């Protein structure tokens, strides 16, 4: 069970947010080049080994797109307790973690303890009416500082992801 946000609303279980997410038709959908192109570009621009478009519902994190090293687990779902992206969804703000070890939100996540994620930058994917659907995120296996220009670059790509999500919702191709 997720903890309520400081305003008393459990954002992850917000019915309007979940309806907006389900309305995209992207949960459990196959990979698509239009999203894969953006994760590849995020990894290239920010020189990161891992980039994902993650959608977060009330039960799990679904990877719509994943640019990852060859040894990355093949599954496209992560448990909500292990999700970093849920924090970007809750806050609707970028989540910047230079070193996951000892970080109060994520240090015990399987993403850290089993998969070795050491640094993370996630930008929430927010609809025009304010619903955070997930995040565009990058991660590294070493601690690293994410300067403001990295945050801005990933935000620009997150805006492109949201354009693709809007096209998908409208039934448009990529």
N, C-alpha and C. Protein backbone atom coordinates (compact mmCIF):
# COMPACT_ATOMS: atom_id res chain seq x y z
N UNK A 1 0.85 -1.19 0.00
CA UNK A 1 0.00 0.00 0.00
C UNK A 1 0.89 1.24 0.00
N UNK A 2 0.50 2.23 -0.79
CA UNK A 2 1.29 3.44 -0.88
C UNK A 2 0.83 4.45 0.15
N UNK A 3 1.75 5.29 0.57
CA UNK A 3 1.44 6.31 1.56
C UNK A 3 0.77 7.50 0.89
N UNK A 4 -0.15 8.16 1.56
CA UNK A 4 -0.78 9.34 0.98
C UNK A 4 0.22 10.47 0.81
N UNK A 5 -0.04 11.35 -0.14
CA UNK A 5 0.84 12.50 -0.31
C UNK A 5 0.57 13.51 0.80
N UNK A 6 1.42 14.55 0.91
CA UNK A 6 1.27 15.51 2.01
C UNK A 6 -0.07 16.23 2.00
N UNK A 7 -0.77 16.22 0.87
CA UNK A 7 -2.04 16.92 0.77
C UNK A 7 -3.22 16.00 1.09
N UNK A 8 -2.94 14.76 1.51
CA UNK A 8 -4.00 13.86 1.91
C UNK A 8 -4.57 13.02 0.79
N UNK A 9 -4.10 13.17 -0.44
CA UNK A 9 -4.60 12.40 -1.56
C UNK A 9 -3.54 11.40 -1.99
N UNK A 10 -3.90 10.15 -2.06
CA UNK A 10 -2.97 9.14 -2.54
C UNK A 10 -2.97 9.23 -4.06
N UNK A 11 -2.03 9.96 -4.59
CA UNK A 11 -1.97 10.25 -6.02
C UNK A 11 -1.97 8.99 -6.86
N UNK A 12 -1.27 7.96 -6.42
CA UNK A 12 -1.18 6.75 -7.23
C UNK A 12 -2.53 6.07 -7.39
N UNK A 13 -3.43 6.23 -6.43
CA UNK A 13 -4.76 5.63 -6.49
C UNK A 13 -5.85 6.61 -6.93
N UNK A 14 -5.47 7.79 -7.33
CA UNK A 14 -6.44 8.80 -7.76
C UNK A 14 -7.22 8.28 -8.97
N UNK A 15 -8.54 8.12 -8.85
CA UNK A 15 -9.33 7.57 -9.96
C UNK A 15 -9.20 8.37 -11.27
N UNK A 16 -9.12 9.68 -11.17
CA UNK A 16 -8.99 10.49 -12.39
C UNK A 16 -7.63 10.25 -13.06
N UNK A 17 -6.58 10.15 -12.27
CA UNK A 17 -5.25 9.86 -12.83
C UNK A 17 -5.25 8.49 -13.48
N UNK A 18 -5.80 7.50 -12.79
CA UNK A 18 -5.83 6.13 -13.34
C UNK A 18 -6.68 6.07 -14.62
N UNK A 19 -7.78 6.80 -14.66
CA UNK A 19 -8.59 6.83 -15.88
C UNK A 19 -7.81 7.46 -17.03
N UNK A 20 -7.08 8.53 -16.73
CA UNK A 20 -6.26 9.18 -17.77
C UNK A 20 -5.19 8.22 -18.27
N UNK A 21 -4.55 7.49 -17.35
CA UNK A 21 -3.52 6.52 -17.73
C UNK A 21 -4.11 5.41 -18.58
N UNK A 22 -5.20 4.82 -18.13
CA UNK A 22 -5.83 3.73 -18.90
C UNK A 22 -6.35 4.23 -20.24
N UNK A 23 -6.77 5.47 -20.28
CA UNK A 23 -7.28 6.06 -21.51
C UNK A 23 -6.24 6.20 -22.61
N UNK A 24 -4.97 6.11 -22.25
CA UNK A 24 -3.92 6.17 -23.27
C UNK A 24 -3.88 4.90 -24.10
N UNK A 25 -4.35 3.79 -23.52
CA UNK A 25 -4.28 2.50 -24.21
C UNK A 25 -2.87 1.93 -24.26
N UNK A 26 -1.95 2.48 -23.48
CA UNK A 26 -0.56 2.04 -23.56
C UNK A 26 -0.16 0.98 -22.54
N UNK A 27 -0.91 0.84 -21.46
CA UNK A 27 -0.55 -0.19 -20.48
C UNK A 27 -0.60 -1.56 -21.15
N UNK A 28 0.44 -2.34 -20.93
CA UNK A 28 0.55 -3.70 -21.47
C UNK A 28 0.58 -3.75 -22.99
N UNK A 29 0.87 -2.64 -23.63
CA UNK A 29 0.97 -2.63 -25.09
C UNK A 29 2.40 -3.01 -25.49
N UNK A 30 2.56 -3.50 -26.71
CA UNK A 30 3.90 -3.90 -27.16
C UNK A 30 4.81 -2.67 -27.35
N UNK A 31 6.12 -2.92 -27.41
CA UNK A 31 7.05 -1.82 -27.68
C UNK A 31 6.71 -1.14 -29.01
N UNK A 32 7.02 0.14 -29.08
CA UNK A 32 6.78 0.91 -30.30
C UNK A 32 8.00 1.77 -30.59
N UNK A 33 8.37 1.84 -31.86
CA UNK A 33 9.56 2.59 -32.26
C UNK A 33 9.49 4.05 -31.84
N UNK A 34 8.32 4.66 -31.88
CA UNK A 34 8.22 6.08 -31.53
C UNK A 34 8.64 6.35 -30.09
N UNK A 35 8.41 5.42 -29.19
CA UNK A 35 8.87 5.57 -27.81
C UNK A 35 10.32 5.10 -27.67
N UNK A 36 10.67 4.02 -28.35
CA UNK A 36 12.04 3.50 -28.29
C UNK A 36 13.04 4.54 -28.80
N UNK A 37 12.65 5.27 -29.83
CA UNK A 37 13.53 6.33 -30.36
C UNK A 37 13.84 7.36 -29.27
N UNK A 38 12.86 7.69 -28.47
CA UNK A 38 13.06 8.70 -27.43
C UNK A 38 13.91 8.18 -26.27
N UNK A 39 13.77 6.91 -25.91
CA UNK A 39 14.64 6.38 -24.85
C UNK A 39 16.08 6.27 -25.36
N UNK A 40 16.25 5.88 -26.61
CA UNK A 40 17.62 5.84 -27.17
C UNK A 40 18.23 7.24 -27.17
N UNK A 41 17.42 8.23 -27.55
CA UNK A 41 17.92 9.60 -27.58
C UNK A 41 18.25 10.10 -26.17
N UNK A 42 17.44 9.76 -25.19
CA UNK A 42 17.73 10.16 -23.81
C UNK A 42 19.06 9.56 -23.36
N UNK A 43 19.27 8.28 -23.62
CA UNK A 43 20.52 7.62 -23.22
C UNK A 43 21.71 8.25 -23.94
N UNK A 44 21.54 8.55 -25.22
CA UNK A 44 22.63 9.15 -25.99
C UNK A 44 22.96 10.56 -25.49
N UNK A 45 21.96 11.40 -25.36
CA UNK A 45 22.19 12.80 -24.96
C UNK A 45 22.79 12.91 -23.58
N UNK A 46 22.35 12.05 -22.66
CA UNK A 46 22.82 12.16 -21.29
C UNK A 46 23.88 11.13 -20.95
N UNK A 47 24.34 10.39 -21.93
CA UNK A 47 25.39 9.40 -21.79
C UNK A 47 25.10 8.49 -20.59
N UNK A 48 23.94 7.87 -20.67
CA UNK A 48 23.48 6.97 -19.60
C UNK A 48 23.23 5.58 -20.19
N UNK A 49 23.54 4.53 -19.44
CA UNK A 49 23.34 3.18 -19.96
C UNK A 49 21.90 2.68 -19.93
N UNK A 50 21.02 3.40 -19.25
CA UNK A 50 19.66 2.93 -19.07
C UNK A 50 18.70 4.11 -19.21
N UNK A 51 17.67 3.94 -20.05
CA UNK A 51 16.63 4.96 -20.22
C UNK A 51 15.31 4.24 -20.42
N UNK A 52 14.26 4.74 -19.77
CA UNK A 52 12.96 4.08 -19.84
C UNK A 52 11.82 5.08 -19.90
N UNK A 53 10.77 4.68 -20.59
CA UNK A 53 9.47 5.34 -20.47
C UNK A 53 8.64 4.40 -19.61
N UNK A 54 8.36 4.82 -18.39
CA UNK A 54 7.60 4.00 -17.45
C UNK A 54 6.24 4.62 -17.18
N UNK A 55 5.22 3.78 -17.19
CA UNK A 55 3.87 4.18 -16.81
C UNK A 55 3.58 3.54 -15.46
N UNK A 56 3.01 4.30 -14.55
CA UNK A 56 2.81 3.84 -13.18
C UNK A 56 1.31 3.84 -12.87
N UNK A 57 0.77 2.64 -12.63
CA UNK A 57 -0.63 2.59 -12.19
C UNK A 57 -0.64 2.38 -10.68
N UNK A 58 -1.73 1.89 -10.14
CA UNK A 58 -1.83 1.74 -8.70
C UNK A 58 -1.23 0.42 -8.20
N UNK A 59 -0.73 -0.42 -9.09
CA UNK A 59 -0.18 -1.72 -8.70
C UNK A 59 1.27 -1.95 -9.12
N UNK A 60 1.72 -1.27 -10.17
CA UNK A 60 3.01 -1.60 -10.75
C UNK A 60 3.53 -0.47 -11.62
N UNK A 61 4.74 -0.69 -12.09
CA UNK A 61 5.36 0.18 -13.08
C UNK A 61 5.52 -0.64 -14.35
N UNK A 62 5.00 -0.14 -15.47
CA UNK A 62 5.08 -0.81 -16.76
C UNK A 62 6.04 -0.04 -17.65
N UNK A 63 7.04 -0.72 -18.19
CA UNK A 63 8.00 -0.08 -19.08
C UNK A 63 7.48 -0.14 -20.51
N UNK A 64 7.01 0.99 -20.99
CA UNK A 64 6.55 1.09 -22.38
C UNK A 64 7.75 1.02 -23.32
N UNK A 65 8.87 1.56 -22.88
CA UNK A 65 10.08 1.52 -23.68
C UNK A 65 11.27 1.40 -22.74
N UNK A 66 12.27 0.65 -23.18
CA UNK A 66 13.46 0.46 -22.35
C UNK A 66 14.69 0.36 -23.23
N UNK A 67 15.63 1.27 -23.02
CA UNK A 67 16.96 1.18 -23.61
C UNK A 67 17.86 0.74 -22.47
N UNK A 68 18.43 -0.45 -22.60
CA UNK A 68 19.17 -1.02 -21.47
C UNK A 68 20.32 -1.89 -21.96
N UNK A 69 21.28 -2.12 -21.07
CA UNK A 69 22.37 -3.04 -21.42
C UNK A 69 21.84 -4.45 -21.61
N UNK A 70 22.61 -5.27 -22.29
CA UNK A 70 22.18 -6.62 -22.63
C UNK A 70 21.81 -7.50 -21.46
N UNK A 71 22.36 -7.25 -20.29
CA UNK A 71 22.06 -8.10 -19.13
C UNK A 71 20.88 -7.60 -18.30
N UNK A 72 20.16 -6.59 -18.79
CA UNK A 72 19.01 -6.04 -18.06
C UNK A 72 17.87 -7.07 -18.11
N UNK A 73 17.13 -7.26 -17.02
CA UNK A 73 16.03 -8.23 -17.02
C UNK A 73 15.01 -7.93 -18.13
N UNK A 74 14.50 -8.98 -18.72
CA UNK A 74 13.63 -8.84 -19.89
C UNK A 74 12.21 -8.38 -19.54
N UNK A 75 11.77 -8.54 -18.31
CA UNK A 75 10.40 -8.18 -17.95
C UNK A 75 10.11 -6.71 -18.12
N UNK A 76 8.85 -6.39 -18.38
CA UNK A 76 8.46 -5.01 -18.59
C UNK A 76 7.68 -4.44 -17.42
N UNK A 77 7.52 -5.22 -16.35
CA UNK A 77 6.81 -4.76 -15.17
C UNK A 77 7.76 -4.75 -13.97
N UNK A 78 7.58 -3.77 -13.12
CA UNK A 78 8.30 -3.73 -11.84
C UNK A 78 7.27 -3.54 -10.74
N UNK A 79 7.55 -4.09 -9.59
CA UNK A 79 6.62 -3.92 -8.48
C UNK A 79 6.63 -2.47 -8.03
N UNK A 80 5.50 -2.02 -7.56
CA UNK A 80 5.39 -0.64 -7.10
C UNK A 80 6.35 -0.33 -5.95
N UNK A 81 6.55 -1.25 -5.00
CA UNK A 81 7.52 -0.93 -3.94
C UNK A 81 8.94 -0.67 -4.46
N UNK A 82 9.30 -1.28 -5.60
CA UNK A 82 10.65 -1.10 -6.14
C UNK A 82 10.76 0.08 -7.09
N UNK A 83 9.65 0.68 -7.46
CA UNK A 83 9.63 1.76 -8.45
C UNK A 83 10.24 3.05 -7.90
N UNK A 84 11.13 3.65 -8.68
CA UNK A 84 11.60 5.01 -8.39
C UNK A 84 10.61 6.00 -8.98
N UNK A 85 10.05 5.65 -10.13
CA UNK A 85 9.20 6.57 -10.89
C UNK A 85 7.95 6.99 -10.13
N UNK A 86 7.50 6.14 -9.21
CA UNK A 86 6.29 6.51 -8.46
C UNK A 86 6.50 7.81 -7.68
N UNK A 87 7.73 8.10 -7.30
CA UNK A 87 7.99 9.34 -6.55
C UNK A 87 7.87 10.57 -7.46
N UNK A 88 8.29 10.43 -8.72
CA UNK A 88 8.10 11.53 -9.67
C UNK A 88 6.62 11.71 -9.97
N UNK A 89 5.87 10.61 -10.04
CA UNK A 89 4.43 10.68 -10.27
C UNK A 89 3.76 11.39 -9.11
N UNK A 90 4.10 11.01 -7.90
CA UNK A 90 3.47 11.62 -6.72
C UNK A 90 3.74 13.11 -6.63
N UNK A 91 4.98 13.51 -6.88
CA UNK A 91 5.35 14.91 -6.70
C UNK A 91 5.09 15.78 -7.93
N UNK A 92 5.00 15.12 -9.11
CA UNK A 92 4.91 15.82 -10.39
C UNK A 92 6.13 16.72 -10.60
N UNK A 93 7.23 16.37 -9.97
CA UNK A 93 8.50 17.11 -10.08
C UNK A 93 9.60 16.14 -10.46
N UNK A 94 10.67 16.64 -11.10
CA UNK A 94 11.80 15.75 -11.40
C UNK A 94 12.34 15.11 -10.12
N UNK A 95 12.73 13.86 -10.25
CA UNK A 95 13.39 13.16 -9.15
C UNK A 95 14.84 12.99 -9.54
N UNK A 96 15.73 13.58 -8.76
CA UNK A 96 17.15 13.58 -9.06
C UNK A 96 17.87 12.89 -7.90
N UNK A 97 18.51 11.77 -8.19
CA UNK A 97 19.23 11.02 -7.16
C UNK A 97 20.65 10.77 -7.66
N UNK A 98 21.61 11.37 -6.97
CA UNK A 98 23.01 11.22 -7.36
C UNK A 98 23.60 9.90 -6.91
N UNK A 99 23.15 9.41 -5.76
CA UNK A 99 23.64 8.13 -5.25
C UNK A 99 22.51 7.46 -4.49
N UNK A 100 22.08 6.32 -5.00
CA UNK A 100 20.96 5.60 -4.40
C UNK A 100 21.31 4.97 -3.06
N UNK A 101 22.59 4.67 -2.85
CA UNK A 101 22.97 4.03 -1.59
C UNK A 101 22.75 5.00 -0.44
N UNK A 102 21.94 4.61 0.48
CA UNK A 102 21.63 5.45 1.62
C UNK A 102 20.53 6.47 1.36
N UNK A 103 20.01 6.54 0.13
CA UNK A 103 18.94 7.49 -0.16
C UNK A 103 17.66 7.02 0.53
N UNK A 104 16.98 7.88 1.27
CA UNK A 104 15.83 7.44 2.07
C UNK A 104 14.66 6.87 1.28
N UNK A 105 14.48 7.28 0.02
CA UNK A 105 13.34 6.78 -0.76
C UNK A 105 13.62 5.44 -1.45
N UNK A 106 14.86 5.22 -1.87
CA UNK A 106 15.10 4.11 -2.80
C UNK A 106 16.18 3.12 -2.40
N UNK A 107 16.90 3.36 -1.34
CA UNK A 107 18.06 2.51 -1.05
C UNK A 107 17.73 1.04 -0.85
N UNK A 108 16.52 0.72 -0.44
CA UNK A 108 16.16 -0.68 -0.22
C UNK A 108 15.43 -1.30 -1.42
N UNK A 109 15.24 -0.54 -2.48
CA UNK A 109 14.57 -1.04 -3.67
C UNK A 109 15.41 -2.13 -4.34
N UNK A 110 14.74 -3.11 -4.93
CA UNK A 110 15.43 -4.15 -5.69
C UNK A 110 16.19 -3.54 -6.87
N UNK A 111 15.77 -2.39 -7.34
CA UNK A 111 16.50 -1.72 -8.42
C UNK A 111 17.92 -1.37 -7.98
N UNK A 112 18.08 -1.14 -6.69
CA UNK A 112 19.39 -0.83 -6.13
C UNK A 112 20.08 -2.11 -5.67
N UNK A 113 19.39 -2.88 -4.85
CA UNK A 113 20.03 -4.03 -4.20
C UNK A 113 20.29 -5.19 -5.14
N UNK A 114 19.43 -5.38 -6.16
CA UNK A 114 19.60 -6.51 -7.08
C UNK A 114 20.12 -6.11 -8.45
N UNK A 115 19.70 -4.93 -8.95
CA UNK A 115 20.06 -4.53 -10.31
C UNK A 115 21.21 -3.53 -10.36
N UNK A 116 21.56 -2.96 -9.21
CA UNK A 116 22.75 -2.11 -9.16
C UNK A 116 22.59 -0.67 -9.60
N UNK A 117 21.37 -0.16 -9.64
CA UNK A 117 21.18 1.25 -10.01
C UNK A 117 21.81 2.12 -8.92
N UNK A 118 22.67 3.06 -9.33
CA UNK A 118 23.34 3.93 -8.36
C UNK A 118 22.93 5.40 -8.50
N UNK A 119 22.45 5.80 -9.67
CA UNK A 119 21.99 7.18 -9.84
C UNK A 119 20.79 7.18 -10.79
N UNK A 120 19.93 8.18 -10.63
CA UNK A 120 18.65 8.20 -11.33
C UNK A 120 18.20 9.63 -11.56
N UNK A 121 17.61 9.85 -12.73
CA UNK A 121 16.96 11.12 -13.04
C UNK A 121 15.66 10.79 -13.73
N UNK A 122 14.54 11.21 -13.15
CA UNK A 122 13.22 10.94 -13.72
C UNK A 122 12.40 12.20 -13.84
N UNK A 123 11.79 12.36 -15.01
CA UNK A 123 10.92 13.50 -15.28
C UNK A 123 9.49 12.97 -15.39
N UNK A 124 8.56 13.50 -14.60
CA UNK A 124 7.18 13.00 -14.69
C UNK A 124 6.57 13.33 -16.04
N UNK A 125 5.74 12.41 -16.50
CA UNK A 125 4.98 12.58 -17.74
C UNK A 125 3.59 13.06 -17.34
N UNK A 126 3.35 14.34 -17.51
CA UNK A 126 2.14 14.98 -16.97
C UNK A 126 1.24 15.43 -18.11
N UNK A 127 -0.03 15.07 -18.01
CA UNK A 127 -1.03 15.47 -19.00
C UNK A 127 -1.34 16.96 -18.85
N UNK A 128 -1.96 17.55 -19.87
CA UNK A 128 -2.33 18.97 -19.76
C UNK A 128 -3.24 19.27 -18.57
N UNK A 129 -4.03 18.28 -18.13
CA UNK A 129 -4.89 18.52 -16.96
C UNK A 129 -4.24 18.12 -15.64
N UNK A 130 -2.92 17.87 -15.66
CA UNK A 130 -2.17 17.71 -14.43
C UNK A 130 -2.02 16.30 -13.89
N UNK A 131 -2.39 15.29 -14.66
CA UNK A 131 -2.24 13.90 -14.18
C UNK A 131 -0.88 13.34 -14.60
N UNK A 132 -0.09 12.93 -13.62
CA UNK A 132 1.20 12.29 -13.91
C UNK A 132 0.95 10.82 -14.21
N UNK A 133 1.34 10.40 -15.40
CA UNK A 133 1.10 9.04 -15.86
C UNK A 133 2.27 8.11 -15.60
N UNK A 134 3.44 8.66 -15.47
CA UNK A 134 4.66 7.88 -15.30
C UNK A 134 5.84 8.81 -15.40
N UNK A 135 6.95 8.30 -15.94
CA UNK A 135 8.12 9.16 -16.09
C UNK A 135 9.00 8.68 -17.23
N UNK A 136 9.74 9.63 -17.76
CA UNK A 136 10.88 9.33 -18.62
C UNK A 136 12.07 9.40 -17.70
N UNK A 137 12.82 8.31 -17.62
CA UNK A 137 13.93 8.31 -16.67
C UNK A 137 15.18 7.74 -17.29
N UNK A 138 16.29 8.14 -16.72
CA UNK A 138 17.58 7.57 -17.05
C UNK A 138 18.24 7.16 -15.75
N UNK A 139 19.13 6.20 -15.86
CA UNK A 139 19.83 5.71 -14.67
C UNK A 139 21.22 5.27 -15.05
N UNK A 140 22.05 5.18 -14.04
CA UNK A 140 23.43 4.73 -14.25
C UNK A 140 23.80 3.77 -13.13
N UNK A 141 24.84 3.01 -13.39
CA UNK A 141 25.32 2.03 -12.43
C UNK A 141 26.47 2.57 -11.58
N UNK A 142 26.73 3.84 -11.71
CA UNK A 142 27.72 4.55 -10.89
C UNK A 142 27.05 5.80 -10.32
N UNK A 143 27.52 6.28 -9.17
CA UNK A 143 26.98 7.55 -8.67
C UNK A 143 27.36 8.66 -9.65
N UNK A 144 26.46 9.60 -9.84
CA UNK A 144 26.77 10.74 -10.70
C UNK A 144 25.86 11.90 -10.37
N UNK A 145 26.38 13.06 -10.60
CA UNK A 145 25.62 14.29 -10.42
C UNK A 145 24.88 14.57 -11.71
N UNK A 146 23.62 14.96 -11.60
CA UNK A 146 22.81 15.31 -12.76
C UNK A 146 22.68 16.83 -12.78
N UNK A 147 23.48 17.51 -13.59
CA UNK A 147 23.39 18.98 -13.61
C UNK A 147 22.07 19.46 -14.20
N UNK A 148 21.76 20.71 -13.96
CA UNK A 148 20.50 21.30 -14.42
C UNK A 148 20.32 21.15 -15.93
N UNK A 149 21.39 21.22 -16.71
CA UNK A 149 21.23 21.05 -18.16
C UNK A 149 20.77 19.64 -18.52
N UNK A 150 21.14 18.64 -17.72
CA UNK A 150 20.63 17.28 -17.92
C UNK A 150 19.13 17.22 -17.62
N UNK A 151 18.73 17.88 -16.55
CA UNK A 151 17.31 17.90 -16.19
C UNK A 151 16.52 18.57 -17.32
N UNK A 152 17.02 19.69 -17.84
CA UNK A 152 16.33 20.39 -18.94
C UNK A 152 16.28 19.52 -20.20
N UNK A 153 17.38 18.84 -20.52
CA UNK A 153 17.41 17.99 -21.72
C UNK A 153 16.41 16.85 -21.60
N UNK A 154 16.35 16.23 -20.42
CA UNK A 154 15.41 15.13 -20.23
C UNK A 154 13.97 15.65 -20.21
N UNK A 155 13.76 16.84 -19.68
CA UNK A 155 12.43 17.44 -19.71
C UNK A 155 11.96 17.66 -21.15
N UNK A 156 12.85 18.13 -22.01
CA UNK A 156 12.49 18.33 -23.42
C UNK A 156 12.08 17.01 -24.07
N UNK A 157 12.80 15.95 -23.75
CA UNK A 157 12.44 14.64 -24.29
C UNK A 157 11.14 14.12 -23.67
N UNK A 158 10.92 14.40 -22.39
CA UNK A 158 9.66 14.01 -21.74
C UNK A 158 8.48 14.71 -22.41
N UNK A 159 8.68 15.96 -22.83
CA UNK A 159 7.63 16.66 -23.56
C UNK A 159 7.32 15.94 -24.88
N UNK A 160 8.36 15.43 -25.55
CA UNK A 160 8.15 14.67 -26.78
C UNK A 160 7.42 13.35 -26.49
N UNK A 161 7.77 12.70 -25.37
CA UNK A 161 7.06 11.48 -24.98
C UNK A 161 5.58 11.79 -24.79
N UNK A 162 5.28 12.91 -24.14
CA UNK A 162 3.87 13.27 -23.93
C UNK A 162 3.16 13.55 -25.25
N UNK A 163 3.86 14.10 -26.23
CA UNK A 163 3.24 14.28 -27.56
C UNK A 163 2.90 12.92 -28.16
N UNK A 164 3.80 11.95 -27.99
CA UNK A 164 3.54 10.60 -28.52
C UNK A 164 2.39 9.93 -27.76
N UNK A 165 2.32 10.15 -26.46
CA UNK A 165 1.21 9.59 -25.68
C UNK A 165 -0.10 10.20 -26.16
N UNK A 166 -0.12 11.50 -26.41
CA UNK A 166 -1.34 12.14 -26.93
C UNK A 166 -1.73 11.56 -28.28
N UNK A 167 -0.75 11.33 -29.15
CA UNK A 167 -1.04 10.72 -30.45
C UNK A 167 -1.59 9.32 -30.27
N UNK A 168 -1.02 8.56 -29.35
CA UNK A 168 -1.50 7.18 -29.11
C UNK A 168 -2.94 7.23 -28.62
N UNK A 169 -3.24 8.15 -27.72
CA UNK A 169 -4.61 8.26 -27.19
C UNK A 169 -5.59 8.62 -28.28
N UNK A 170 -5.14 9.46 -29.22
CA UNK A 170 -6.00 9.87 -30.33
C UNK A 170 -6.07 8.80 -31.41
N UNK A 171 -5.28 7.72 -31.22
CA UNK A 171 -5.28 6.65 -32.21
C UNK A 171 -4.33 6.89 -33.36
N UNK A 172 -3.45 7.89 -33.21
CA UNK A 172 -2.51 8.19 -34.28
C UNK A 172 -1.29 7.31 -34.25
N UNK A 173 -0.67 7.16 -35.37
CA UNK A 173 0.55 6.37 -35.49
C UNK A 173 1.77 7.19 -35.19
N UNK A 174 2.94 6.53 -35.27
CA UNK A 174 4.19 7.21 -34.96
C UNK A 174 5.05 7.49 -36.08
